[in-house]
């Protein structure tokens, strides 16, 4: 299981603040609903935990997705981000 936090895909954050992929691959302020839609459309098995707080911002419940994935974490984050871009257009 791979954990995806919205911070990983957020274009507005720096690497230090939690972004994991290049800004051009990111989206602006992704929501857990968008992440869930993207995972559904990618046909992946996942579990959403909306009460979790990103460790770097323990005071803010951003939620997270636990995803069954065989590849690398970065590849999964990029796939989800690209799917969100597709959904938004």
N, C-alpha and C. Protein backbone atom coordinates (compact mmCIF):
# COMPACT_ATOMS: atom_id res chain seq x y z
N UNK A 1 0.84 -1.19 0.00
CA UNK A 1 0.00 0.00 0.00
C UNK A 1 0.88 1.25 0.00
N UNK A 2 0.50 2.18 -0.85
CA UNK A 2 1.22 3.45 -0.93
C UNK A 2 0.30 4.56 -0.46
N UNK A 3 0.82 5.44 0.37
CA UNK A 3 0.04 6.56 0.88
C UNK A 3 0.22 7.77 -0.03
N UNK A 4 -0.90 8.38 -0.37
CA UNK A 4 -0.85 9.63 -1.14
C UNK A 4 -1.53 10.72 -0.32
N UNK A 5 -0.78 11.75 -0.04
CA UNK A 5 -1.30 12.94 0.63
C UNK A 5 -1.53 14.00 -0.43
N UNK A 6 -2.56 14.84 -0.30
CA UNK A 6 -2.78 15.91 -1.29
C UNK A 6 -1.55 16.82 -1.46
N UNK A 7 -0.78 16.96 -0.41
CA UNK A 7 0.42 17.81 -0.46
C UNK A 7 1.41 17.33 -1.53
N UNK A 8 1.44 16.03 -1.79
CA UNK A 8 2.38 15.47 -2.76
C UNK A 8 2.16 16.05 -4.16
N UNK A 9 0.92 16.40 -4.49
CA UNK A 9 0.60 16.86 -5.85
C UNK A 9 0.30 18.35 -5.94
N UNK A 10 0.49 19.08 -4.86
CA UNK A 10 0.09 20.49 -4.81
C UNK A 10 1.14 21.43 -5.40
N UNK A 11 0.77 22.05 -6.51
CA UNK A 11 1.65 22.98 -7.24
C UNK A 11 2.08 24.17 -6.38
N UNK A 12 1.27 24.55 -5.40
CA UNK A 12 1.55 25.71 -4.57
C UNK A 12 2.57 25.45 -3.47
N UNK A 13 2.96 24.20 -3.27
CA UNK A 13 3.90 23.87 -2.21
C UNK A 13 5.31 23.65 -2.75
N UNK A 14 6.28 23.86 -1.88
CA UNK A 14 7.67 23.59 -2.25
C UNK A 14 7.97 22.12 -1.90
N UNK A 15 9.12 21.66 -2.33
CA UNK A 15 9.55 20.29 -1.99
C UNK A 15 9.62 20.16 -0.46
N UNK A 16 10.14 21.19 0.20
CA UNK A 16 10.24 21.18 1.67
C UNK A 16 8.88 21.05 2.34
N UNK A 17 7.86 21.63 1.72
CA UNK A 17 6.51 21.60 2.29
C UNK A 17 5.75 20.31 1.97
N UNK A 18 6.34 19.44 1.14
CA UNK A 18 5.73 18.14 0.89
C UNK A 18 5.48 17.76 -0.55
N UNK A 19 5.68 18.68 -1.50
CA UNK A 19 5.47 18.32 -2.91
C UNK A 19 6.51 17.28 -3.31
N UNK A 20 6.09 16.27 -4.07
CA UNK A 20 7.00 15.18 -4.44
C UNK A 20 7.38 15.16 -5.92
N UNK A 21 6.59 15.83 -6.77
CA UNK A 21 6.86 15.76 -8.20
C UNK A 21 7.05 17.17 -8.77
N UNK A 22 7.52 17.25 -10.00
CA UNK A 22 7.80 18.54 -10.64
C UNK A 22 6.53 19.39 -10.72
N UNK A 23 6.70 20.70 -10.59
CA UNK A 23 5.55 21.61 -10.60
C UNK A 23 4.70 21.47 -11.85
N UNK A 24 5.33 21.22 -13.01
CA UNK A 24 4.55 21.10 -14.25
C UNK A 24 3.65 19.86 -14.25
N UNK A 25 3.97 18.88 -13.43
CA UNK A 25 3.14 17.68 -13.32
C UNK A 25 2.07 17.82 -12.23
N UNK A 26 2.18 18.88 -11.42
CA UNK A 26 1.27 19.07 -10.28
C UNK A 26 0.00 19.81 -10.65
N UNK A 27 -0.94 19.83 -9.71
CA UNK A 27 -2.17 20.60 -9.84
C UNK A 27 -2.28 21.55 -8.66
N UNK A 28 -3.10 22.58 -8.84
CA UNK A 28 -3.29 23.58 -7.80
C UNK A 28 -4.29 23.06 -6.77
N UNK A 29 -3.91 23.02 -5.51
CA UNK A 29 -4.78 22.63 -4.39
C UNK A 29 -5.67 21.42 -4.67
N UNK A 30 -5.09 20.24 -4.85
CA UNK A 30 -5.91 19.06 -5.10
C UNK A 30 -6.72 18.68 -3.85
N UNK A 31 -7.96 18.27 -4.06
CA UNK A 31 -8.81 17.85 -2.93
C UNK A 31 -8.81 16.32 -2.85
N UNK A 32 -9.22 15.81 -1.71
CA UNK A 32 -9.32 14.35 -1.56
C UNK A 32 -10.38 13.79 -2.52
N UNK A 33 -11.43 14.56 -2.77
CA UNK A 33 -12.46 14.10 -3.72
C UNK A 33 -11.87 13.93 -5.12
N UNK A 34 -11.02 14.88 -5.53
CA UNK A 34 -10.38 14.78 -6.85
C UNK A 34 -9.42 13.59 -6.90
N UNK A 35 -8.69 13.39 -5.83
CA UNK A 35 -7.75 12.26 -5.77
C UNK A 35 -8.54 10.95 -5.86
N UNK A 36 -9.66 10.88 -5.14
CA UNK A 36 -10.50 9.68 -5.18
C UNK A 36 -11.06 9.43 -6.58
N UNK A 37 -11.54 10.48 -7.25
CA UNK A 37 -12.06 10.34 -8.63
C UNK A 37 -10.96 9.83 -9.56
N UNK A 38 -9.75 10.38 -9.41
CA UNK A 38 -8.63 9.98 -10.26
C UNK A 38 -8.29 8.50 -10.04
N UNK A 39 -8.26 8.07 -8.78
CA UNK A 39 -7.96 6.67 -8.47
C UNK A 39 -9.03 5.75 -9.05
N UNK A 40 -10.29 6.17 -8.96
CA UNK A 40 -11.40 5.39 -9.53
C UNK A 40 -11.22 5.23 -11.03
N UNK A 41 -10.94 6.35 -11.70
CA UNK A 41 -10.78 6.32 -13.15
C UNK A 41 -9.55 5.54 -13.59
N UNK A 42 -8.54 5.48 -12.74
CA UNK A 42 -7.35 4.68 -13.04
C UNK A 42 -7.59 3.20 -12.74
N UNK A 43 -8.73 2.90 -12.14
CA UNK A 43 -9.10 1.51 -11.85
C UNK A 43 -8.27 0.89 -10.73
N UNK A 44 -7.82 1.70 -9.78
CA UNK A 44 -6.97 1.19 -8.70
C UNK A 44 -7.79 0.90 -7.45
N UNK A 45 -7.30 -0.03 -6.65
CA UNK A 45 -7.92 -0.32 -5.36
C UNK A 45 -7.32 0.65 -4.35
N UNK A 46 -8.20 1.29 -3.58
CA UNK A 46 -7.72 2.29 -2.63
C UNK A 46 -8.66 2.40 -1.45
N UNK A 47 -8.19 3.09 -0.43
CA UNK A 47 -8.99 3.38 0.76
C UNK A 47 -8.72 4.83 1.11
N UNK A 48 -9.78 5.59 1.38
CA UNK A 48 -9.63 7.01 1.72
C UNK A 48 -9.79 7.19 3.23
N UNK A 49 -8.89 7.95 3.80
CA UNK A 49 -8.94 8.28 5.22
C UNK A 49 -8.96 9.80 5.33
N UNK A 50 -10.16 10.37 5.44
CA UNK A 50 -10.31 11.84 5.43
C UNK A 50 -9.93 12.50 6.75
N UNK A 51 -9.74 11.71 7.79
CA UNK A 51 -9.43 12.28 9.11
C UNK A 51 -7.93 12.39 9.40
N UNK A 52 -7.11 11.91 8.49
CA UNK A 52 -5.66 11.94 8.72
C UNK A 52 -5.08 13.31 8.42
N UNK A 53 -4.03 13.64 9.16
CA UNK A 53 -3.32 14.90 8.97
C UNK A 53 -1.91 14.59 8.48
N UNK A 54 -1.47 15.32 7.45
CA UNK A 54 -0.12 15.19 6.92
C UNK A 54 0.87 15.48 8.05
N UNK A 55 1.87 14.61 8.26
CA UNK A 55 2.79 14.80 9.38
C UNK A 55 3.42 16.20 9.47
N UNK A 56 3.71 16.81 8.34
CA UNK A 56 4.29 18.15 8.34
C UNK A 56 3.31 19.24 8.76
N UNK A 57 2.03 18.91 8.66
CA UNK A 57 0.97 19.86 9.07
C UNK A 57 -0.02 19.07 9.93
N UNK A 58 0.47 18.58 11.05
CA UNK A 58 -0.31 17.70 11.92
C UNK A 58 -1.61 18.33 12.42
N UNK A 59 -1.70 19.63 12.38
CA UNK A 59 -2.87 20.36 12.89
C UNK A 59 -3.97 20.52 11.83
N UNK A 60 -3.71 20.08 10.60
CA UNK A 60 -4.65 20.27 9.49
C UNK A 60 -5.05 18.92 8.90
N UNK A 61 -6.31 18.54 9.03
CA UNK A 61 -6.77 17.24 8.51
C UNK A 61 -7.00 17.32 7.00
N UNK A 62 -5.99 16.93 6.24
CA UNK A 62 -6.08 17.01 4.78
C UNK A 62 -6.61 15.71 4.18
N UNK A 63 -6.49 14.62 4.93
CA UNK A 63 -6.88 13.31 4.41
C UNK A 63 -5.74 12.66 3.66
N UNK A 64 -5.92 11.37 3.38
CA UNK A 64 -4.92 10.63 2.60
C UNK A 64 -5.59 9.46 1.90
N UNK A 65 -4.91 8.96 0.89
CA UNK A 65 -5.39 7.78 0.17
C UNK A 65 -4.36 6.68 0.33
N UNK A 66 -4.82 5.48 0.62
CA UNK A 66 -3.95 4.31 0.69
C UNK A 66 -4.25 3.50 -0.56
N UNK A 67 -3.24 3.33 -1.41
CA UNK A 67 -3.46 2.76 -2.73
C UNK A 67 -2.65 1.48 -2.93
N UNK A 68 -3.31 0.48 -3.53
CA UNK A 68 -2.59 -0.74 -3.92
C UNK A 68 -1.94 -0.46 -5.26
N UNK A 69 -0.61 -0.54 -5.31
CA UNK A 69 0.14 -0.16 -6.51
C UNK A 69 1.42 -0.95 -6.57
N UNK A 70 1.76 -1.41 -7.76
CA UNK A 70 2.96 -2.23 -7.94
C UNK A 70 4.21 -1.41 -8.28
N UNK A 71 4.03 -0.27 -8.92
CA UNK A 71 5.17 0.53 -9.36
C UNK A 71 5.74 1.42 -8.27
N UNK A 72 6.45 2.46 -8.69
CA UNK A 72 7.05 3.38 -7.73
C UNK A 72 6.03 4.40 -7.24
N UNK A 73 6.29 4.94 -6.08
CA UNK A 73 5.42 5.95 -5.48
C UNK A 73 5.34 7.19 -6.38
N UNK A 74 6.48 7.64 -6.90
CA UNK A 74 6.49 8.83 -7.75
C UNK A 74 5.68 8.63 -9.03
N UNK A 75 5.74 7.44 -9.60
CA UNK A 75 4.96 7.13 -10.81
C UNK A 75 3.47 7.21 -10.50
N UNK A 76 3.07 6.67 -9.36
CA UNK A 76 1.67 6.71 -8.95
C UNK A 76 1.21 8.16 -8.74
N UNK A 77 2.01 8.96 -8.07
CA UNK A 77 1.66 10.36 -7.81
C UNK A 77 1.48 11.11 -9.13
N UNK A 78 2.38 10.87 -10.09
CA UNK A 78 2.28 11.52 -11.41
C UNK A 78 1.01 11.09 -12.13
N UNK A 79 0.71 9.80 -12.10
CA UNK A 79 -0.50 9.28 -12.76
C UNK A 79 -1.75 9.93 -12.18
N UNK A 80 -1.82 10.02 -10.87
CA UNK A 80 -2.97 10.61 -10.19
C UNK A 80 -3.08 12.09 -10.56
N UNK A 81 -1.97 12.79 -10.54
CA UNK A 81 -1.95 14.22 -10.86
C UNK A 81 -2.41 14.46 -12.30
N UNK A 82 -1.90 13.67 -13.23
CA UNK A 82 -2.29 13.82 -14.64
C UNK A 82 -3.77 13.53 -14.83
N UNK A 83 -4.28 12.55 -14.10
CA UNK A 83 -5.71 12.21 -14.18
C UNK A 83 -6.56 13.35 -13.65
N UNK A 84 -6.12 13.99 -12.57
CA UNK A 84 -6.85 15.14 -12.02
C UNK A 84 -6.87 16.28 -13.05
N UNK A 85 -5.74 16.51 -13.72
CA UNK A 85 -5.68 17.55 -14.76
C UNK A 85 -6.70 17.25 -15.85
N UNK A 86 -6.76 15.98 -16.24
CA UNK A 86 -7.69 15.52 -17.28
C UNK A 86 -9.15 15.76 -16.84
N UNK A 87 -9.45 15.43 -15.59
CA UNK A 87 -10.80 15.60 -15.03
C UNK A 87 -11.17 17.08 -15.00
N UNK A 88 -10.24 17.92 -14.64
CA UNK A 88 -10.52 19.36 -14.50
C UNK A 88 -10.78 20.02 -15.86
N UNK A 89 -10.25 19.44 -16.93
CA UNK A 89 -10.43 20.08 -18.27
C UNK A 89 -11.73 19.72 -18.91
